[in-house]
Protein backbone atom coordinates (compact mmCIF):
# COMPACT_ATOMS: atom_id res chain seq x y z
CA UNK A 1 69.41 -3.73 -72.85
CA UNK A 2 69.07 -0.07 -71.87
CA UNK A 3 65.60 1.17 -70.94
CA UNK A 4 64.17 4.62 -70.12
CA UNK A 5 61.08 4.99 -67.92
CA UNK A 6 59.38 8.40 -68.23
CA UNK A 7 57.03 8.98 -65.31
CA UNK A 8 59.23 6.75 -63.17
CA UNK A 9 57.88 8.06 -59.86
CA UNK A 10 54.24 7.23 -60.62
CA UNK A 11 52.22 4.09 -59.96
CA UNK A 12 52.95 2.15 -63.15
CA UNK A 13 56.31 3.81 -63.82
CA UNK A 14 57.78 2.94 -60.41
CA UNK A 15 56.77 -0.69 -60.86
CA UNK A 16 58.43 -0.70 -64.30
CA UNK A 17 61.64 0.58 -62.69
CA UNK A 18 61.60 -2.21 -60.07
CA UNK A 19 60.63 -4.91 -62.56
CA UNK A 20 63.28 -4.21 -65.18
CA UNK A 21 66.00 -3.44 -62.64
CA UNK A 22 65.37 -6.85 -61.04
CA UNK A 23 65.86 -8.41 -64.48
CA UNK A 24 69.28 -6.89 -64.89
CA UNK A 25 68.50 -4.18 -67.45
CA UNK A 26 70.22 -0.81 -67.36
CA UNK A 27 67.31 1.36 -66.20
CA UNK A 28 67.19 5.15 -66.55
CA UNK A 29 64.44 7.30 -65.09
CA UNK A 30 62.75 10.63 -65.89
CA UNK A 31 60.04 12.37 -63.88
CA UNK A 32 58.75 15.77 -62.78
CA UNK A 33 59.29 14.71 -59.16
CA UNK A 34 62.80 14.62 -57.72
CA UNK A 35 64.68 11.38 -57.08
CA UNK A 36 67.92 10.72 -55.25
CA UNK A 37 68.63 7.69 -57.41
CA UNK A 38 71.27 7.43 -60.12
CA UNK A 39 70.54 7.57 -63.85
CA UNK A 40 67.75 10.11 -63.31
CA UNK A 41 66.57 13.11 -65.35
CA UNK A 42 64.34 15.79 -63.83
CA UNK A 43 61.64 16.95 -66.27
CA UNK A 44 60.15 20.43 -65.98
CA UNK A 45 56.43 20.54 -65.18
CA UNK A 46 56.07 23.52 -67.50
CA UNK A 47 57.15 23.47 -71.13
CA UNK A 48 58.78 20.06 -70.73
CA UNK A 49 61.73 19.19 -73.00
CA UNK A 50 62.75 15.56 -73.59
CA UNK A 51 65.52 16.19 -76.12
CA UNK A 52 68.38 16.01 -73.61
CA UNK A 53 67.41 12.46 -72.62
CA UNK A 54 68.01 11.15 -76.13
CA UNK A 55 70.87 13.53 -76.96
CA UNK A 56 72.95 12.32 -74.03
CA UNK A 57 71.92 8.65 -73.99
CA UNK A 58 70.89 6.01 -76.51
CA UNK A 59 68.10 3.70 -75.37
CA UNK A 60 66.79 0.41 -76.70
CA UNK A 61 63.37 0.92 -75.10
CA UNK A 62 61.46 3.98 -73.86
CA UNK A 63 58.31 3.48 -71.78
CA UNK A 64 56.13 6.55 -71.24
CA UNK A 65 54.17 6.11 -68.02
CA UNK A 66 53.73 9.86 -67.48
CA UNK A 67 50.66 12.03 -67.97
CA UNK A 68 47.31 12.44 -66.30
CA UNK A 69 45.08 9.43 -65.63
CA UNK A 70 42.10 11.17 -64.08
CA UNK A 71 38.83 11.45 -66.02
CA UNK A 72 37.43 14.12 -63.69
CA UNK A 73 40.54 16.29 -64.10
CA UNK A 74 40.11 16.20 -67.89
CA UNK A 75 36.69 17.84 -67.54
CA UNK A 76 37.98 20.43 -65.08
CA UNK A 77 41.13 21.26 -67.06
CA UNK A 78 40.98 19.85 -70.60
CA UNK A 79 43.87 22.03 -71.80
CA UNK A 80 46.25 20.68 -69.16
CA UNK A 81 45.08 17.12 -69.78
CA UNK A 82 45.75 17.63 -73.50
CA UNK A 83 49.25 18.91 -72.73
CA UNK A 84 50.07 15.97 -70.46
CA UNK A 85 48.58 13.21 -72.60
CA UNK A 86 49.05 14.47 -76.16
CA UNK A 87 51.56 17.32 -76.43
CA UNK A 88 54.15 15.62 -74.24
CA UNK A 89 53.82 12.38 -76.20
CA UNK A 90 54.47 14.29 -79.42
CA UNK A 91 57.54 15.94 -77.84
CA UNK A 92 58.93 12.54 -76.85
CA UNK A 93 58.35 11.18 -80.37
CA UNK A 94 60.14 14.14 -81.94
CA UNK A 95 63.10 13.69 -79.58
CA UNK A 96 63.31 9.98 -80.45
CA UNK A 97 63.05 10.72 -84.17
CA UNK A 98 65.82 13.33 -84.00
CA UNK A 99 68.31 11.64 -81.67
CA UNK A 100 67.48 7.96 -81.07
CA UNK A 101 65.40 6.64 -84.00
CA UNK A 102 66.11 2.96 -83.26
CA UNK A 103 64.53 3.24 -79.79
CA UNK A 104 61.30 1.26 -79.34
CA UNK A 105 58.59 3.45 -77.77
CA UNK A 106 55.78 2.11 -75.57
CA UNK A 107 53.06 4.55 -74.52
CA UNK A 108 50.36 3.89 -71.94
CA UNK A 109 46.94 4.57 -73.39
CA UNK A 110 43.63 3.65 -71.76
CA UNK A 111 40.46 1.63 -72.27
CA UNK A 112 38.75 5.02 -71.94
CA UNK A 113 39.20 5.31 -75.72
CA UNK A 114 36.37 2.76 -76.14
CA UNK A 115 33.67 4.54 -74.14
CA UNK A 116 30.56 2.34 -73.91
CA UNK A 117 31.18 -0.56 -76.32
CA UNK A 118 28.28 -2.11 -78.20
CA UNK A 119 29.62 -5.63 -77.76
CA UNK A 120 31.68 -7.47 -75.15
CA UNK A 121 34.42 -8.54 -75.01
CA UNK A 122 36.16 -5.48 -76.44
CA UNK A 123 38.77 -6.21 -79.10
CA UNK A 124 41.45 -3.79 -80.25
CA UNK A 125 39.36 -3.36 -83.41
CA UNK A 126 36.23 -2.28 -81.52
CA UNK A 127 35.03 1.23 -82.34
CA UNK A 128 36.38 4.06 -80.19
CA UNK A 129 33.80 6.48 -78.79
CA UNK A 130 35.35 8.17 -75.73
CA UNK A 131 33.10 9.59 -73.01
CA UNK A 132 35.60 12.16 -71.69
CA UNK A 133 38.33 14.57 -72.81
CA UNK A 134 40.76 12.10 -71.21
CA UNK A 135 39.57 9.31 -73.50
CA UNK A 136 39.82 11.55 -76.57
CA UNK A 137 43.32 12.64 -75.60
CA UNK A 138 44.50 9.06 -75.14
CA UNK A 139 43.07 8.23 -78.57
CA UNK A 140 44.96 11.19 -80.04
CA UNK A 141 48.17 9.92 -78.46
CA UNK A 142 47.64 6.56 -80.19
CA UNK A 143 47.21 8.34 -83.52
CA UNK A 144 50.50 10.15 -82.92
CA UNK A 145 52.28 6.84 -82.41
CA UNK A 146 50.74 5.50 -85.64
CA UNK A 147 51.75 8.71 -87.45
CA UNK A 148 55.37 8.60 -86.32
CA UNK A 149 55.65 4.95 -87.28
CA UNK A 150 54.11 5.49 -90.73
CA UNK A 151 55.93 8.67 -91.73
CA UNK A 152 59.17 8.51 -89.74
CA UNK A 153 59.67 4.78 -89.27
CA UNK A 154 59.66 4.85 -85.47
CA UNK A 155 58.99 1.66 -83.54
CA UNK A 156 55.86 2.37 -81.49
CA UNK A 157 53.06 0.65 -79.63
CA UNK A 158 50.19 1.66 -77.33
CA UNK A 159 48.86 -0.23 -74.30
CA UNK A 160 45.16 0.27 -73.61
CA UNK A 161 45.07 -0.30 -69.86
CA UNK A 162 41.67 -1.17 -68.41
CA UNK A 163 41.49 -1.00 -64.58
CA UNK A 164 44.97 -1.45 -63.14
CA UNK A 165 45.46 -1.61 -59.37
CA UNK A 166 47.97 -2.66 -56.74
CA UNK A 167 50.47 -1.30 -54.21
CA UNK A 168 51.32 2.42 -54.59
CA UNK A 169 48.05 3.28 -56.33
CA UNK A 170 46.51 6.31 -54.62
CA UNK A 171 43.48 7.05 -56.78
CA UNK A 172 40.44 5.39 -58.37
CA UNK A 173 37.96 2.90 -56.91
CA UNK A 174 39.92 0.99 -54.27
CA UNK A 175 41.82 4.01 -52.97
CA UNK A 176 38.52 5.88 -52.79
CA UNK A 177 36.99 3.00 -50.83
CA UNK A 178 39.97 2.93 -48.49
CA UNK A 179 39.79 6.66 -47.79
CA UNK A 180 36.04 6.61 -47.16
CA UNK A 181 36.27 3.50 -44.97
CA UNK A 182 38.65 5.37 -42.68
CA UNK A 183 35.99 8.03 -42.13
CA UNK A 184 32.58 6.33 -42.18
CA UNK A 185 30.84 3.01 -41.57
CA UNK A 186 28.61 3.56 -44.62
CA UNK A 187 30.46 4.24 -47.86
CA UNK A 188 28.63 6.05 -50.67
CA UNK A 189 29.66 5.33 -54.26
CA UNK A 190 28.38 6.51 -57.63
CA UNK A 191 26.32 4.24 -59.88
CA UNK A 192 24.21 1.19 -59.17
CA UNK A 193 26.97 -1.29 -58.43
CA UNK A 194 26.03 -3.37 -61.47
CA UNK A 195 28.54 -1.55 -63.69
CA UNK A 196 31.45 -3.80 -64.63
CA UNK A 197 35.21 -3.46 -65.06
CA UNK A 198 38.09 -5.68 -66.12
CA UNK A 199 40.72 -5.34 -63.38
CA UNK A 200 44.40 -6.16 -63.78
CA UNK A 201 46.90 -6.44 -60.94
CA UNK A 202 50.13 -4.49 -61.41
CA UNK A 203 52.35 -7.61 -61.49
CA UNK A 204 50.31 -9.01 -64.40
CA UNK A 205 50.65 -5.65 -66.15
CA UNK A 206 54.45 -5.97 -65.80
CA UNK A 207 54.25 -9.43 -67.38
CA UNK A 208 52.45 -7.84 -70.33
CA UNK A 209 55.11 -5.12 -70.61
CA UNK A 210 57.79 -7.79 -70.86
CA UNK A 211 55.88 -9.81 -73.47
CA UNK A 212 55.19 -6.74 -75.61
CA UNK A 213 58.85 -5.74 -75.62
CA UNK A 214 59.83 -9.28 -76.63
CA UNK A 215 57.20 -9.96 -79.28
CA UNK A 216 55.54 -6.79 -80.63
CA UNK A 217 56.26 -5.68 -84.18
CA UNK A 218 56.12 -2.04 -82.92
CA UNK A 219 54.26 -0.91 -86.04
CA UNK A 220 51.98 1.51 -84.23
CA UNK A 221 50.68 -1.64 -82.53
CA UNK A 222 47.82 -1.56 -79.99
CA UNK A 223 47.13 -4.00 -77.15
CA UNK A 224 44.40 -4.39 -74.56
CA UNK A 225 45.82 -4.69 -71.03
CA UNK A 226 43.42 -6.50 -68.69
CA UNK A 227 42.62 -9.91 -67.18
CA UNK A 228 39.66 -10.90 -69.40
CA UNK A 229 37.42 -11.19 -66.31
CA UNK A 230 34.29 -9.03 -65.95
CA UNK A 231 33.53 -7.97 -62.36
CA UNK A 232 30.76 -5.74 -61.04
CA UNK A 233 31.74 -2.69 -59.01
CA UNK A 234 29.60 -4.04 -56.15
CA UNK A 235 31.49 -7.34 -56.12
CA UNK A 236 34.88 -5.60 -56.37
CA UNK A 237 33.97 -3.28 -53.48
CA UNK A 238 32.82 -6.24 -51.39
CA UNK A 239 36.04 -8.18 -52.03
CA UNK A 240 38.18 -5.21 -51.09
CA UNK A 241 36.32 -4.33 -47.90
CA UNK A 242 36.46 -7.97 -46.80
CA UNK A 243 40.24 -7.57 -46.76
CA UNK A 244 40.32 -4.15 -45.18
CA UNK A 245 37.13 -3.32 -43.25
CA UNK A 246 34.56 -6.15 -43.48
CA UNK A 247 32.19 -4.37 -41.11
CA UNK A 248 31.74 -1.43 -43.50
CA UNK A 249 28.72 -1.14 -45.79
CA UNK A 250 28.65 0.17 -49.38
CA UNK A 251 25.67 2.10 -50.72
CA UNK A 252 25.29 3.18 -54.34
CA UNK A 253 23.58 6.49 -55.16
CA UNK A 254 22.27 5.41 -58.58
CA UNK A 255 23.82 8.44 -60.30
CA UNK A 256 26.00 8.07 -63.38
CA UNK A 257 29.36 9.77 -62.95
CA UNK A 258 30.24 11.80 -66.03
CA UNK A 259 32.82 10.04 -68.19
CA UNK A 260 32.34 6.60 -66.61
CA UNK A 261 31.48 3.64 -68.87
CA UNK A 262 28.85 1.03 -68.03
CA UNK A 263 30.51 -2.28 -68.83
CA UNK A 264 34.04 -3.33 -69.72
CA UNK A 265 35.48 -6.73 -70.58
CA UNK A 266 38.64 -7.01 -72.66
CA UNK A 267 39.47 -9.54 -75.33
CA UNK A 268 43.08 -10.57 -74.64
CA UNK A 269 43.68 -12.85 -77.63
CA UNK A 270 46.59 -10.83 -79.02
CA UNK A 271 48.58 -11.03 -75.80
CA UNK A 272 47.56 -14.61 -75.07
CA UNK A 273 49.30 -15.53 -78.34
CA UNK A 274 52.46 -14.03 -76.81
CA UNK A 275 52.00 -16.28 -73.77
CA UNK A 276 50.13 -14.01 -71.36
CA UNK A 277 48.26 -15.69 -68.53
CA UNK A 278 47.06 -13.68 -65.54
CA UNK A 279 48.69 -14.80 -62.28
CA UNK A 280 46.48 -12.78 -59.93
CA UNK A 281 42.71 -13.02 -59.64
CA UNK A 282 40.94 -10.04 -58.10
CA UNK A 283 40.68 -11.63 -54.65
CA UNK A 284 44.43 -12.30 -54.41
CA UNK A 285 45.36 -8.95 -55.91
CA UNK A 286 43.15 -7.03 -53.49
CA UNK A 287 44.57 -9.02 -50.58
CA UNK A 288 48.07 -7.85 -51.55
CA UNK A 289 46.87 -4.28 -52.09
CA UNK A 290 45.17 -4.25 -48.67
CA UNK A 291 48.37 -5.56 -47.07
CA UNK A 292 50.30 -2.69 -48.61
CA UNK A 293 47.74 -0.15 -47.38
CA UNK A 294 48.00 -1.47 -43.82
CA UNK A 295 51.80 -1.45 -43.93
CA UNK A 296 52.00 2.09 -45.34
CA UNK A 297 49.69 3.74 -42.81
């Protein structure tokens, strides 16, 4: 099987490269950042063109792990966020339609499409009410995948990732905690600490990728990607600091950060039917993440 990873130098993309290479697949990479590896395409940051990838090679699977994954950035620069998360997805779909129509396309979406759900756990059929431009743009990318399946027969599916973490991640809650813990004994975070998330360790996310490729119908399909465990931000911060800096103290400012949801818990029934079972609880996952942080200082 021949697989293309777009965004291969990023957090999720680089893990996809390692995972599928270790399983003996022929892995090709594409990214805006240079790589010295073989089977690599450099993508322009401006006016990106994906046609050459599918003109020169024929792939069985294409995973798009590129784009912006920063809610704050989408408020600061909504046009750029739209380009990265919507326009580029449409460009990839057109290139697949024109040159490699049998290729199965997996795009990383986000639980940000849900906003603040009325009921927990959140199923893939729950209403989508995004709280940020980022969430709206991810929802638009999902509609593109549905469109290109319906009208052009492409094999597509979207993965709504909740709160992924693990080695190589250099943003979001745990990276923020790590950076602040290096500077201060008292760490200030937004919110009350009672907000909840559904965290998934990167190795479990790779298991989901594998299961989706094996079992999905690719009919504009949508899957939640999480662990089906609800954890408060206060508890998650405490678990992480116990591994990294147990003497540090976390204080919450009580302010709601724009674009942040209150409570998330995913329903994972669709993927459980494919055989998914999380291998990493939050304590074990954060232990491994903390080990990586210490090693990469």
